[in-house]
């Protein structure tokens, strides 16, 4: 267990999703989704996003893990009270799925910590009631 003040290292992740009809082909079980991420540094130190780890699960319960350096080719430094926004996407073979994950972060003092990304749903319009 770490001995640090959680207020120093506090990053919030908000996700908005969007179905991309023009890139999807439901007849071929191809459902394209964009996710718009807003990362807010609520801590007292700047924090750099080093890496990402996603768990993508389709409607059949099949999961895929995706890990890599940074996000969309960047490793942004987010100052206290500031935000970083980006958009990315994924393709599912089912009308509904979910994603969750985490970002590996490094504070200005060198402390590394994890910013959790709560599970969120990806759904074809009207697939869920």
C-alpha atoms as a PDB file:
ATOM      1  CA  UNK A   1       0.000   0.000   0.000  1.00  0.00           C
ATOM      2  CA  UNK A   2       1.312   3.447  -0.897  1.00  0.00           C
ATOM      3  CA  UNK A   3       1.879   6.199   1.617  1.00  0.00           C
ATOM      4  CA  UNK A   4       0.818   9.284  -0.298  1.00  0.00           C
ATOM      5  CA  UNK A   5      -1.850  11.920  -0.238  1.00  0.00           C
ATOM      6  CA  UNK A   6      -4.582  10.882  -2.690  1.00  0.00           C
ATOM      7  CA  UNK A   7      -5.373  14.570  -3.277  1.00  0.00           C
ATOM      8  CA  UNK A   8      -2.023  14.936  -5.050  1.00  0.00           C
ATOM      9  CA  UNK A   9      -2.866  12.235  -7.597  1.00  0.00           C
ATOM     10  CA  UNK A  10      -6.524  12.514  -8.559  1.00  0.00           C
ATOM     11  CA  UNK A  11      -7.491  12.041 -12.199  1.00  0.00           C
ATOM     12  CA  UNK A  12     -11.117  11.718 -13.348  1.00  0.00           C
ATOM     13  CA  UNK A  13     -12.066  10.094 -16.661  1.00  0.00           C
ATOM     14  CA  UNK A  14     -15.402  10.847 -18.357  1.00  0.00           C
ATOM     15  CA  UNK A  15     -16.553   8.944 -21.459  1.00  0.00           C
ATOM     16  CA  UNK A  16     -19.221   9.770 -24.050  1.00  0.00           C
ATOM     17  CA  UNK A  17     -19.956   7.222 -26.768  1.00  0.00           C
ATOM     18  CA  UNK A  18     -21.303   7.543 -30.287  1.00  0.00           C
ATOM     19  CA  UNK A  19     -22.445   4.968 -32.859  1.00  0.00           C
ATOM     20  CA  UNK A  20     -20.915   5.708 -36.285  1.00  0.00           C
ATOM     21  CA  UNK A  21     -23.575   4.599 -38.779  1.00  0.00           C
ATOM     22  CA  UNK A  22     -21.665   5.631 -41.908  1.00  0.00           C
ATOM     23  CA  UNK A  23     -18.745   3.295 -41.054  1.00  0.00           C
ATOM     24  CA  UNK A  24     -20.913   0.429 -39.783  1.00  0.00           C
ATOM     25  CA  UNK A  25     -22.464  -2.447 -41.711  1.00  0.00           C
ATOM     26  CA  UNK A  26     -25.045  -4.202 -39.510  1.00  0.00           C
ATOM     27  CA  UNK A  27     -25.764  -6.812 -42.220  1.00  0.00           C
ATOM     28  CA  UNK A  28     -22.133  -7.940 -41.866  1.00  0.00           C
ATOM     29  CA  UNK A  29     -22.107  -7.606 -38.050  1.00  0.00           C
ATOM     30  CA  UNK A  30     -19.824  -4.569 -38.146  1.00  0.00           C
ATOM     31  CA  UNK A  31     -20.705  -1.913 -35.563  1.00  0.00           C
ATOM     32  CA  UNK A  32     -18.349   1.069 -35.292  1.00  0.00           C
ATOM     33  CA  UNK A  33     -18.291   3.213 -32.179  1.00  0.00           C
ATOM     34  CA  UNK A  34     -16.415   6.361 -31.230  1.00  0.00           C
ATOM     35  CA  UNK A  35     -15.652   7.205 -27.639  1.00  0.00           C
ATOM     36  CA  UNK A  36     -14.908  10.739 -26.557  1.00  0.00           C
ATOM     37  CA  UNK A  37     -12.680  10.906 -23.486  1.00  0.00           C
ATOM     38  CA  UNK A  38     -12.242  13.830 -21.101  1.00  0.00           C
ATOM     39  CA  UNK A  39      -9.438  13.380 -18.566  1.00  0.00           C
ATOM     40  CA  UNK A  40      -9.506  15.931 -15.738  1.00  0.00           C
ATOM     41  CA  UNK A  41      -6.580  16.363 -13.383  1.00  0.00           C
ATOM     42  CA  UNK A  42      -8.182  17.074 -10.011  1.00  0.00           C
ATOM     43  CA  UNK A  43      -4.915  16.570  -8.161  1.00  0.00           C
ATOM     44  CA  UNK A  44      -2.381  19.111  -6.999  1.00  0.00           C
ATOM     45  CA  UNK A  45       0.423  17.979  -9.341  1.00  0.00           C
ATOM     46  CA  UNK A  46       0.735  17.785 -13.086  1.00  0.00           C
ATOM     47  CA  UNK A  47       0.375  14.237 -14.412  1.00  0.00           C
ATOM     48  CA  UNK A  48       1.532  12.665 -17.645  1.00  0.00           C
ATOM     49  CA  UNK A  49      -0.474   9.906 -19.291  1.00  0.00           C
ATOM     50  CA  UNK A  50       2.085   7.198 -20.107  1.00  0.00           C
ATOM     51  CA  UNK A  51       0.025   4.244 -21.297  1.00  0.00           C
ATOM     52  CA  UNK A  52      -3.430   2.747 -21.652  1.00  0.00           C
ATOM     53  CA  UNK A  53      -5.018  -0.639 -21.100  1.00  0.00           C
ATOM     54  CA  UNK A  54      -8.518  -1.427 -22.376  1.00  0.00           C
ATOM     55  CA  UNK A  55     -10.780  -4.440 -21.956  1.00  0.00           C
ATOM     56  CA  UNK A  56     -13.323  -4.542 -24.808  1.00  0.00           C
ATOM     57  CA  UNK A  57     -16.176  -7.042 -24.456  1.00  0.00           C
ATOM     58  CA  UNK A  58     -18.746  -7.751 -27.153  1.00  0.00           C
ATOM     59  CA  UNK A  59     -22.365  -8.762 -26.631  1.00  0.00           C
ATOM     60  CA  UNK A  60     -21.420 -12.458 -26.782  1.00  0.00           C
ATOM     61  CA  UNK A  61     -19.090 -12.032 -23.802  1.00  0.00           C
ATOM     62  CA  UNK A  62     -15.907 -12.341 -25.887  1.00  0.00           C
ATOM     63  CA  UNK A  63     -13.168 -10.020 -24.632  1.00  0.00           C
ATOM     64  CA  UNK A  64     -10.169  -8.387 -26.227  1.00  0.00           C
ATOM     65  CA  UNK A  65      -7.398  -6.535 -24.388  1.00  0.00           C
ATOM     66  CA  UNK A  66      -5.652  -3.557 -25.957  1.00  0.00           C
ATOM     67  CA  UNK A  67      -2.581  -1.945 -24.404  1.00  0.00           C
ATOM     68  CA  UNK A  68      -0.161   0.632 -25.644  1.00  0.00           C
ATOM     69  CA  UNK A  69       1.828   3.756 -25.094  1.00  0.00           C
ATOM     70  CA  UNK A  70      -0.123   6.987 -24.641  1.00  0.00           C
ATOM     71  CA  UNK A  71      -3.418   7.761 -26.368  1.00  0.00           C
ATOM     72  CA  UNK A  72      -3.846   8.517 -30.087  1.00  0.00           C
ATOM     73  CA  UNK A  73      -0.085   8.949 -30.429  1.00  0.00           C
ATOM     74  CA  UNK A  74       0.273  11.339 -27.489  1.00  0.00           C
ATOM     75  CA  UNK A  75       1.493  11.179 -23.902  1.00  0.00           C
ATOM     76  CA  UNK A  76      -0.091  14.414 -22.667  1.00  0.00           C
ATOM     77  CA  UNK A  77       0.917  16.235 -19.498  1.00  0.00           C
ATOM     78  CA  UNK A  78      -2.207  17.482 -17.744  1.00  0.00           C
ATOM     79  CA  UNK A  79      -1.751  20.365 -15.336  1.00  0.00           C
ATOM     80  CA  UNK A  80      -3.785  20.577 -12.103  1.00  0.00           C
ATOM     81  CA  UNK A  81      -7.321  21.750 -12.841  1.00  0.00           C
ATOM     82  CA  UNK A  82      -6.901  21.188 -16.592  1.00  0.00           C
ATOM     83  CA  UNK A  83      -8.355  18.636 -19.007  1.00  0.00           C
ATOM     84  CA  UNK A  84      -7.178  16.599 -21.959  1.00  0.00           C
ATOM     85  CA  UNK A  85      -9.738  15.478 -24.528  1.00  0.00           C
ATOM     86  CA  UNK A  86      -9.416  12.985 -27.332  1.00  0.00           C
ATOM     87  CA  UNK A  87     -11.557  10.715 -29.488  1.00  0.00           C
ATOM     88  CA  UNK A  88     -10.857   7.154 -30.509  1.00  0.00           C
ATOM     89  CA  UNK A  89     -12.944   4.226 -31.626  1.00  0.00           C
ATOM     90  CA  UNK A  90     -13.519   0.512 -31.793  1.00  0.00           C
ATOM     91  CA  UNK A  91     -15.351  -1.989 -33.964  1.00  0.00           C
ATOM     92  CA  UNK A  92     -17.620  -4.663 -32.514  1.00  0.00           C
ATOM     93  CA  UNK A  93     -19.177  -7.699 -34.154  1.00  0.00           C
ATOM     94  CA  UNK A  94     -22.293  -7.343 -31.975  1.00  0.00           C
ATOM     95  CA  UNK A  95     -24.877  -4.588 -31.487  1.00  0.00           C
ATOM     96  CA  UNK A  96     -23.922  -4.072 -27.851  1.00  0.00           C
ATOM     97  CA  UNK A  97     -20.657  -4.243 -25.950  1.00  0.00           C
ATOM     98  CA  UNK A  98     -18.694  -2.599 -23.194  1.00  0.00           C
ATOM     99  CA  UNK A  99     -15.282  -1.191 -22.435  1.00  0.00           C
ATOM    100  CA  UNK A 100     -13.334  -0.493 -19.272  1.00  0.00           C
ATOM    101  CA  UNK A 101      -9.716   0.185 -18.562  1.00  0.00           C
ATOM    102  CA  UNK A 102      -7.034   2.279 -16.989  1.00  0.00           C
ATOM    103  CA  UNK A 103      -4.356   4.819 -17.749  1.00  0.00           C
ATOM    104  CA  UNK A 104      -0.848   4.587 -16.370  1.00  0.00           C
ATOM    105  CA  UNK A 105       0.034   8.044 -15.080  1.00  0.00           C
ATOM    106  CA  UNK A 106       3.196   9.691 -13.746  1.00  0.00           C
ATOM    107  CA  UNK A 107       3.031  12.743 -11.485  1.00  0.00           C
ATOM    108  CA  UNK A 108       5.510  15.613 -11.558  1.00  0.00           C
ATOM    109  CA  UNK A 109       7.251  14.188  -8.458  1.00  0.00           C
ATOM    110  CA  UNK A 110       7.860  10.879 -10.279  1.00  0.00           C
ATOM    111  CA  UNK A 111       5.111   8.941  -8.474  1.00  0.00           C
ATOM    112  CA  UNK A 112       3.348   6.519 -10.835  1.00  0.00           C
ATOM    113  CA  UNK A 113      -0.335   5.791 -10.345  1.00  0.00           C
ATOM    114  CA  UNK A 114      -3.352   4.379 -12.161  1.00  0.00           C
ATOM    115  CA  UNK A 115      -6.419   6.281 -13.350  1.00  0.00           C
ATOM    116  CA  UNK A 116      -9.322   3.838 -13.617  1.00  0.00           C
ATOM    117  CA  UNK A 117     -11.835   4.038 -16.457  1.00  0.00           C
ATOM    118  CA  UNK A 118     -15.213   2.782 -15.269  1.00  0.00           C
ATOM    119  CA  UNK A 119     -17.064   0.343 -17.540  1.00  0.00           C
ATOM    120  CA  UNK A 120     -19.193   1.991 -20.200  1.00  0.00           C
ATOM    121  CA  UNK A 121     -21.633   0.622 -22.776  1.00  0.00           C
ATOM    122  CA  UNK A 122     -21.383   0.741 -26.549  1.00  0.00           C
ATOM    123  CA  UNK A 123     -24.798   0.180 -28.121  1.00  0.00           C
ATOM    124  CA  UNK A 124     -26.393   0.305 -31.548  1.00  0.00           C
ATOM    125  CA  UNK A 125     -29.276   2.840 -31.424  1.00  0.00           C
ATOM    126  CA  UNK A 126     -32.386   1.334 -29.803  1.00  0.00           C
ATOM    127  CA  UNK A 127     -30.567  -1.953 -29.065  1.00  0.00           C
ATOM    128  CA  UNK A 128     -31.172  -1.325 -25.358  1.00  0.00           C
ATOM    129  CA  UNK A 129     -34.524  -0.269 -23.973  1.00  0.00           C
END
